[in-house]
Protein backbone atom coordinates (compact mmCIF):
# COMPACT_ATOMS: atom_id res chain seq x y z
CA MET A 1 4.88 -8.52 7.64
CA ALA A 2 1.16 -7.99 7.92
CA VAL A 3 -1.84 -9.94 9.14
CA HIS A 4 -5.19 -9.45 7.43
CA PRO A 5 -7.61 -7.62 9.76
CA SER A 6 -10.03 -10.55 9.93
CA PHE A 7 -7.24 -12.79 11.28
CA ARG A 8 -5.76 -10.43 13.87
CA GLY A 9 -5.78 -11.24 17.58
CA LYS A 10 -5.15 -14.95 17.01
CA GLY A 11 -1.38 -15.00 17.51
CA LEU A 12 -0.57 -15.29 13.79
CA GLY A 13 1.73 -12.26 13.77
CA ARG A 14 3.70 -13.66 16.70
CA ARG A 15 4.00 -17.07 15.03
CA LEU A 16 5.11 -15.52 11.72
CA LEU A 17 7.70 -13.38 13.49
CA GLU A 18 8.97 -16.33 15.54
CA ALA A 19 9.30 -18.40 12.34
CA ASN A 20 11.16 -15.55 10.60
CA THR A 21 13.50 -15.15 13.56
CA SER A 22 14.15 -18.89 13.71
CA VAL A 23 14.96 -19.09 9.98
CA GLY A 24 17.33 -16.14 10.32
CA LEU A 25 19.19 -17.86 13.13
CA SER A 26 19.41 -21.14 11.19
CA ARG A 27 20.89 -19.27 8.21
CA GLY A 28 23.53 -17.47 10.25
CA ALA A 29 21.99 -14.00 10.35
CA ALA A 30 23.51 -11.53 12.79
CA LEU A 31 20.21 -9.72 13.29
CA SER A 32 16.62 -9.57 12.18
CA ARG A 33 14.70 -6.33 12.05
CA GLY A 34 11.35 -4.83 11.24
CA LEU A 35 10.32 -1.28 10.46
CA ILE A 36 7.28 -0.33 12.53
CA ARG A 37 5.21 2.82 12.29
CA ILE A 38 5.22 4.67 15.62
CA ASP A 39 1.43 4.43 15.98
CA ASN A 40 1.29 0.66 15.30
CA LYS A 41 1.01 -0.50 18.92
CA ALA A 42 -0.07 -4.05 18.01
CA SER A 43 3.15 -4.67 16.04
CA GLN A 44 5.26 -3.09 18.77
CA ILE A 45 3.73 -5.47 21.35
CA THR A 46 4.28 -8.47 19.07
CA PHE A 47 7.91 -7.58 18.41
CA THR A 48 8.54 -6.97 22.13
CA ARG A 49 7.08 -10.40 22.98
CA CYS A 50 9.47 -11.95 20.43
CA SER A 51 12.55 -10.34 22.06
CA TYR A 52 12.95 -7.49 19.58
CA GLU A 53 14.10 -4.12 20.87
CA LYS A 54 13.24 -0.68 19.54
CA ASP A 55 16.16 1.21 18.03
CA ASP A 56 16.32 4.79 19.31
CA PRO A 57 16.42 7.09 16.31
CA LEU A 58 13.01 8.22 15.14
CA LEU A 59 12.98 7.95 11.35
CA SER A 60 10.81 9.43 8.62
CA LEU A 61 9.99 7.34 5.56
CA TYR A 62 10.21 9.12 2.21
CA VAL A 63 9.14 7.85 -1.20
CA ALA A 64 10.00 9.49 -4.50
CA LEU A 65 6.95 10.79 -6.32
CA PRO A 66 6.32 9.51 -9.88
CA GLY A 67 8.87 10.90 -12.31
CA ARG A 68 11.36 11.85 -9.57
CA GLN A 69 12.96 8.44 -8.96
CA ARG A 70 16.06 9.15 -11.09
CA ASP A 71 16.77 12.43 -9.24
CA VAL A 72 16.54 10.66 -5.88
CA LEU A 73 18.79 7.80 -6.99
CA ARG A 74 21.40 10.25 -8.32
CA ARG A 75 21.36 12.33 -5.11
CA PHE A 76 21.62 9.39 -2.71
CA ARG A 77 23.92 7.13 -4.74
CA LYS A 78 27.18 7.75 -2.84
CA GLY A 79 27.33 6.31 0.66
CA TRP A 80 23.95 4.61 0.34
CA GLN A 81 23.20 0.99 -0.39
CA GLN A 82 20.57 0.24 -3.02
CA THR A 83 18.50 -2.90 -2.45
CA GLN A 84 15.84 -4.23 -4.78
CA VAL A 85 12.60 -4.91 -2.89
CA VAL A 86 9.55 -6.90 -3.94
CA THR A 87 6.57 -7.10 -1.57
CA PHE A 88 2.85 -7.80 -1.86
CA ASN A 89 2.20 -4.07 -2.26
CA TYR A 90 5.04 -2.73 -4.39
CA SER A 91 8.40 -3.34 -6.00
CA GLY A 92 11.19 -0.88 -6.07
CA ILE A 93 14.51 0.24 -4.70
CA TRP A 94 15.20 0.77 -1.02
CA LEU A 95 18.02 3.16 -0.17
CA GLU A 96 19.79 2.80 3.14
CA GLU A 97 22.97 4.14 4.59
CA ALA A 98 25.71 1.70 3.63
CA ILE A 99 25.76 -0.85 6.45
CA TYR A 100 26.37 -3.78 4.14
CA THR A 101 29.17 -4.36 1.69
CA LYS A 102 27.24 -4.85 -1.55
CA SER A 103 24.64 -2.80 -3.39
CA ILE A 104 22.68 -3.84 -6.43
CA ASP A 105 23.84 -2.80 -9.88
CA LEU A 106 21.26 -0.21 -10.87
CA SER A 107 21.92 -0.90 -14.57
CA GLU A 108 20.36 -4.36 -14.11
CA LEU A 109 17.01 -2.97 -12.94
CA PRO A 110 13.98 -1.82 -14.92
CA GLU A 111 13.79 1.90 -15.62
CA PRO A 112 13.72 3.77 -12.29
CA ASP A 113 10.64 5.67 -13.43
CA GLU A 114 8.74 2.35 -13.25
CA MET A 115 9.78 1.57 -9.67
CA SER A 116 9.20 2.94 -6.21
CA VAL A 117 12.21 4.47 -4.47
CA GLY A 118 12.03 4.75 -0.70
CA PHE A 119 14.38 5.63 2.13
CA LEU A 120 14.52 6.63 5.78
CA LEU A 121 15.98 9.81 7.21
CA PRO A 122 16.43 10.86 10.83
CA SER A 123 13.27 12.77 11.74
CA LYS A 124 15.27 15.49 13.49
CA ASN A 125 17.45 16.29 10.46
CA GLU A 126 15.56 19.18 8.89
CA SER A 127 18.22 19.78 6.24
CA LEU A 128 17.96 16.24 4.82
CA ALA A 129 14.17 16.39 5.05
CA ARG A 130 14.18 19.60 3.00
CA THR A 131 16.49 17.95 0.43
CA ALA A 132 14.12 14.98 0.13
CA LEU A 133 11.08 17.22 -0.29
CA ASP A 134 12.91 19.43 -2.82
CA LEU A 135 13.82 16.33 -4.84
CA GLY A 136 10.15 15.43 -5.13
CA CYS A 137 9.57 12.99 -2.30
CA ALA A 138 6.61 12.56 -0.01
CA GLU A 139 6.97 11.80 3.70
CA LEU A 140 4.84 8.77 4.59
CA GLY A 141 5.19 8.74 8.36
CA GLN A 142 7.50 8.13 11.27
CA PHE A 143 8.98 4.76 12.16
CA HIS A 144 11.41 2.93 14.39
CA TRP A 145 13.52 -0.08 13.52
CA TRP A 146 12.92 -3.00 15.87
CA GLN A 147 15.73 -5.53 15.93
CA HIS A 148 16.59 -8.91 17.32
CA LYS A 149 20.29 -9.60 17.68
CA TYR A 150 21.16 -13.26 17.49
CA VAL A 151 23.35 -14.76 20.18
CA VAL A 152 25.57 -17.40 18.58
């Protein structure tokens, strides 16, 4: 979620987040979450005001550099869920530790070389960070998940 700079400070982010949270509840979601860069204080305040809580682990976001997507997908295939993502800025594959039961079928996607591949790793795990860098990934910053657990 993002609010254009010329519209910030008007409560739009809060209203968008409240609407998202409400829709999630109406559709039976167990939780709603957002990934916020650690230096994005405005988003952290908005999420706090909407009853979201920061998850403890500090995470580093990695993205496979052009031409390295296949290597990353091969390395992180087992035990990781692959989710197709389409946003205003990019489309690609998001890798996450398997917390859900179903991953996408990678054979149904366009060639990996044409897509972004991104994933989070614990910032303190130097071994995994070295693996990601050796595979041809760039670290894009540090983040926390912020989540809202629904009470049913």
